[in-house]
Amino acid sequence: MEPYAKPKERKVGAQRPKIMHLPKSIETRTRREREAEKQAVAAERRAIKKSARRHLKQQLLAELEEDE
């Protein structure tokens, strides 16, 4: 997954929330469960971005220390 994905870009990959058009009698998840799943995907995406920022910051600091 692209760590610097834009918020409005199309969500792709294995973590993309799947849209299922099922009748209520077949759908086992409640609205709250679906929303919780969607929020979990968003939280994971934020964590990936945060981790990438930290990693780049560490790389930058390491390069600056090497130059000195």
N, C-alpha and C. Protein backbone atom coordinates (compact mmCIF):
# COMPACT_ATOMS: atom_id res chain seq x y z
N MET A 1 0.84 -1.18 0.00
CA MET A 1 0.00 0.00 0.00
C MET A 1 0.89 1.24 0.00
N GLU A 2 0.52 2.21 -0.79
CA GLU A 2 1.27 3.45 -0.89
C GLU A 2 1.15 4.24 0.42
N PRO A 3 2.28 4.50 1.11
CA PRO A 3 2.19 5.19 2.40
C PRO A 3 1.75 6.64 2.28
N TYR A 4 1.98 7.25 1.13
CA TYR A 4 1.63 8.65 0.97
C TYR A 4 0.42 8.83 0.06
N ALA A 5 -0.52 7.94 0.16
CA ALA A 5 -1.73 8.03 -0.65
C ALA A 5 -2.55 9.24 -0.22
N LYS A 6 -3.15 9.87 -1.18
CA LYS A 6 -3.98 11.04 -0.89
C LYS A 6 -5.31 10.58 -0.30
N PRO A 7 -5.93 11.39 0.56
CA PRO A 7 -7.17 10.96 1.21
C PRO A 7 -8.31 10.67 0.24
N LYS A 8 -8.39 11.40 -0.87
CA LYS A 8 -9.52 11.23 -1.77
C LYS A 8 -9.24 10.29 -2.93
N GLU A 9 -8.06 9.72 -2.97
CA GLU A 9 -7.77 8.83 -4.09
C GLU A 9 -8.52 7.51 -3.93
N ARG A 10 -8.63 6.80 -4.99
CA ARG A 10 -9.33 5.53 -4.97
C ARG A 10 -8.57 4.52 -4.11
N LYS A 11 -9.27 3.89 -3.21
CA LYS A 11 -8.63 2.92 -2.32
C LYS A 11 -8.46 1.60 -3.07
N VAL A 12 -7.22 1.13 -3.15
CA VAL A 12 -6.94 -0.09 -3.88
C VAL A 12 -6.19 -1.05 -2.98
N GLY A 13 -6.08 -2.27 -3.41
CA GLY A 13 -5.31 -3.25 -2.66
C GLY A 13 -6.17 -4.18 -1.84
N ALA A 14 -5.51 -5.04 -1.10
CA ALA A 14 -6.21 -6.05 -0.32
C ALA A 14 -7.02 -5.45 0.82
N GLN A 15 -6.59 -4.30 1.32
CA GLN A 15 -7.26 -3.70 2.47
C GLN A 15 -8.48 -2.86 2.09
N ARG A 16 -8.75 -2.76 0.79
CA ARG A 16 -9.87 -1.93 0.36
C ARG A 16 -11.19 -2.47 0.89
N PRO A 17 -12.02 -1.61 1.47
CA PRO A 17 -13.33 -2.08 1.93
C PRO A 17 -14.17 -2.54 0.74
N LYS A 18 -14.68 -3.71 0.82
CA LYS A 18 -15.47 -4.27 -0.28
C LYS A 18 -16.92 -3.82 -0.15
N ILE A 19 -17.51 -3.47 -1.26
CA ILE A 19 -18.92 -3.09 -1.28
C ILE A 19 -19.71 -4.33 -1.66
N MET A 20 -20.62 -4.71 -0.80
CA MET A 20 -21.45 -5.88 -1.08
C MET A 20 -22.90 -5.44 -1.09
N HIS A 21 -23.58 -5.70 -2.18
CA HIS A 21 -24.99 -5.35 -2.29
C HIS A 21 -25.80 -6.60 -1.99
N LEU A 22 -26.10 -6.76 -0.74
CA LEU A 22 -26.84 -7.94 -0.32
C LEU A 22 -28.13 -7.51 0.37
N PRO A 23 -29.16 -8.32 0.24
CA PRO A 23 -30.39 -7.99 0.97
C PRO A 23 -30.18 -8.12 2.48
N LYS A 24 -30.98 -7.42 3.22
CA LYS A 24 -30.84 -7.39 4.67
C LYS A 24 -30.98 -8.78 5.28
N SER A 25 -31.77 -9.63 4.67
CA SER A 25 -31.96 -10.98 5.21
C SER A 25 -30.68 -11.82 5.12
N ILE A 26 -29.82 -11.53 4.14
CA ILE A 26 -28.58 -12.30 3.97
C ILE A 26 -27.43 -11.65 4.73
N GLU A 27 -27.39 -10.32 4.72
CA GLU A 27 -26.30 -9.58 5.38
C GLU A 27 -26.32 -9.85 6.88
N THR A 28 -25.19 -10.34 7.39
CA THR A 28 -25.12 -10.69 8.81
C THR A 28 -24.58 -9.54 9.66
N ARG A 29 -23.84 -8.63 9.04
CA ARG A 29 -23.25 -7.53 9.81
C ARG A 29 -24.25 -6.40 9.99
N THR A 30 -24.15 -5.74 11.12
CA THR A 30 -24.99 -4.58 11.36
C THR A 30 -24.31 -3.35 10.78
N ARG A 31 -25.03 -2.25 10.75
CA ARG A 31 -24.46 -1.00 10.25
C ARG A 31 -23.25 -0.59 11.09
N ARG A 32 -23.34 -0.76 12.40
CA ARG A 32 -22.22 -0.39 13.27
C ARG A 32 -21.00 -1.25 13.00
N GLU A 33 -21.21 -2.53 12.73
CA GLU A 33 -20.08 -3.41 12.43
C GLU A 33 -19.40 -3.00 11.12
N ARG A 34 -20.21 -2.65 10.13
CA ARG A 34 -19.64 -2.20 8.85
C ARG A 34 -18.86 -0.90 9.04
N GLU A 35 -19.41 0.02 9.82
CA GLU A 35 -18.71 1.29 10.08
C GLU A 35 -17.42 1.05 10.86
N ALA A 36 -17.46 0.12 11.82
CA ALA A 36 -16.26 -0.19 12.60
C ALA A 36 -15.17 -0.77 11.70
N GLU A 37 -15.57 -1.61 10.76
CA GLU A 37 -14.60 -2.19 9.83
C GLU A 37 -13.97 -1.10 8.96
N LYS A 38 -14.80 -0.19 8.50
CA LYS A 38 -14.31 0.91 7.67
C LYS A 38 -13.35 1.80 8.46
N GLN A 39 -13.68 2.07 9.72
CA GLN A 39 -12.81 2.89 10.56
C GLN A 39 -11.49 2.18 10.86
N ALA A 40 -11.54 0.87 10.99
CA ALA A 40 -10.31 0.11 11.23
C ALA A 40 -9.37 0.21 10.03
N VAL A 41 -9.94 0.15 8.83
CA VAL A 41 -9.12 0.29 7.62
C VAL A 41 -8.49 1.68 7.58
N ALA A 42 -9.27 2.70 7.92
CA ALA A 42 -8.75 4.07 7.92
C ALA A 42 -7.66 4.23 8.98
N ALA A 43 -7.84 3.62 10.15
CA ALA A 43 -6.84 3.71 11.21
C ALA A 43 -5.54 3.03 10.79
N GLU A 44 -5.67 1.90 10.12
CA GLU A 44 -4.48 1.19 9.64
C GLU A 44 -3.73 2.04 8.62
N ARG A 45 -4.47 2.70 7.75
CA ARG A 45 -3.87 3.56 6.74
C ARG A 45 -3.12 4.72 7.40
N ARG A 46 -3.74 5.31 8.44
CA ARG A 46 -3.07 6.40 9.16
C ARG A 46 -1.79 5.90 9.83
N ALA A 47 -1.83 4.70 10.38
CA ALA A 47 -0.66 4.13 11.05
C ALA A 47 0.48 3.91 10.05
N ILE A 48 0.14 3.46 8.85
CA ILE A 48 1.16 3.25 7.82
C ILE A 48 1.80 4.58 7.45
N LYS A 49 0.99 5.61 7.28
CA LYS A 49 1.52 6.93 6.93
C LYS A 49 2.40 7.48 8.04
N LYS A 50 1.97 7.29 9.29
CA LYS A 50 2.74 7.78 10.43
C LYS A 50 4.09 7.06 10.51
N SER A 51 4.07 5.75 10.29
CA SER A 51 5.29 4.97 10.33
C SER A 51 6.25 5.41 9.22
N ALA A 52 5.70 5.68 8.05
CA ALA A 52 6.54 6.11 6.93
C ALA A 52 7.18 7.47 7.23
N ARG A 53 6.41 8.37 7.83
CA ARG A 53 6.97 9.68 8.19
C ARG A 53 8.10 9.53 9.20
N ARG A 54 7.90 8.69 10.20
CA ARG A 54 8.95 8.47 11.21
C ARG A 54 10.20 7.89 10.57
N HIS A 55 10.01 6.93 9.68
CA HIS A 55 11.14 6.28 9.02
C HIS A 55 11.93 7.29 8.20
N LEU A 56 11.23 8.13 7.44
CA LEU A 56 11.91 9.14 6.63
C LEU A 56 12.64 10.15 7.51
N LYS A 57 12.05 10.50 8.64
CA LYS A 57 12.70 11.44 9.55
C LYS A 57 13.99 10.84 10.10
N GLN A 58 13.95 9.55 10.46
CA GLN A 58 15.15 8.89 10.96
C GLN A 58 16.23 8.83 9.88
N GLN A 59 15.82 8.55 8.64
CA GLN A 59 16.79 8.51 7.54
C GLN A 59 17.43 9.88 7.34
N LEU A 60 16.62 10.92 7.39
CA LEU A 60 17.13 12.27 7.20
C LEU A 60 18.12 12.64 8.30
N LEU A 61 17.78 12.33 9.54
CA LEU A 61 18.69 12.62 10.65
C LEU A 61 19.99 11.83 10.53
N ALA A 62 19.89 10.58 10.09
CA ALA A 62 21.10 9.76 9.92
C ALA A 62 21.99 10.34 8.83
N GLU A 63 21.38 10.80 7.74
CA GLU A 63 22.17 11.40 6.66
C GLU A 63 22.83 12.69 7.11
N LEU A 64 22.12 13.48 7.90
CA LEU A 64 22.70 14.72 8.40
C LEU A 64 23.87 14.46 9.34
N GLU A 65 23.76 13.42 10.16
CA GLU A 65 24.86 13.07 11.06
C GLU A 65 26.07 12.58 10.29
N GLU A 66 25.84 11.87 9.18
CA GLU A 66 26.96 11.38 8.36
C GLU A 66 27.71 12.55 7.72
N ASP A 67 26.97 13.57 7.32
CA ASP A 67 27.58 14.71 6.65
C ASP A 67 28.45 15.54 7.59
N GLU A 68 28.15 15.50 8.86
CA GLU A 68 28.91 16.33 9.81
C GLU A 68 30.25 15.75 10.15
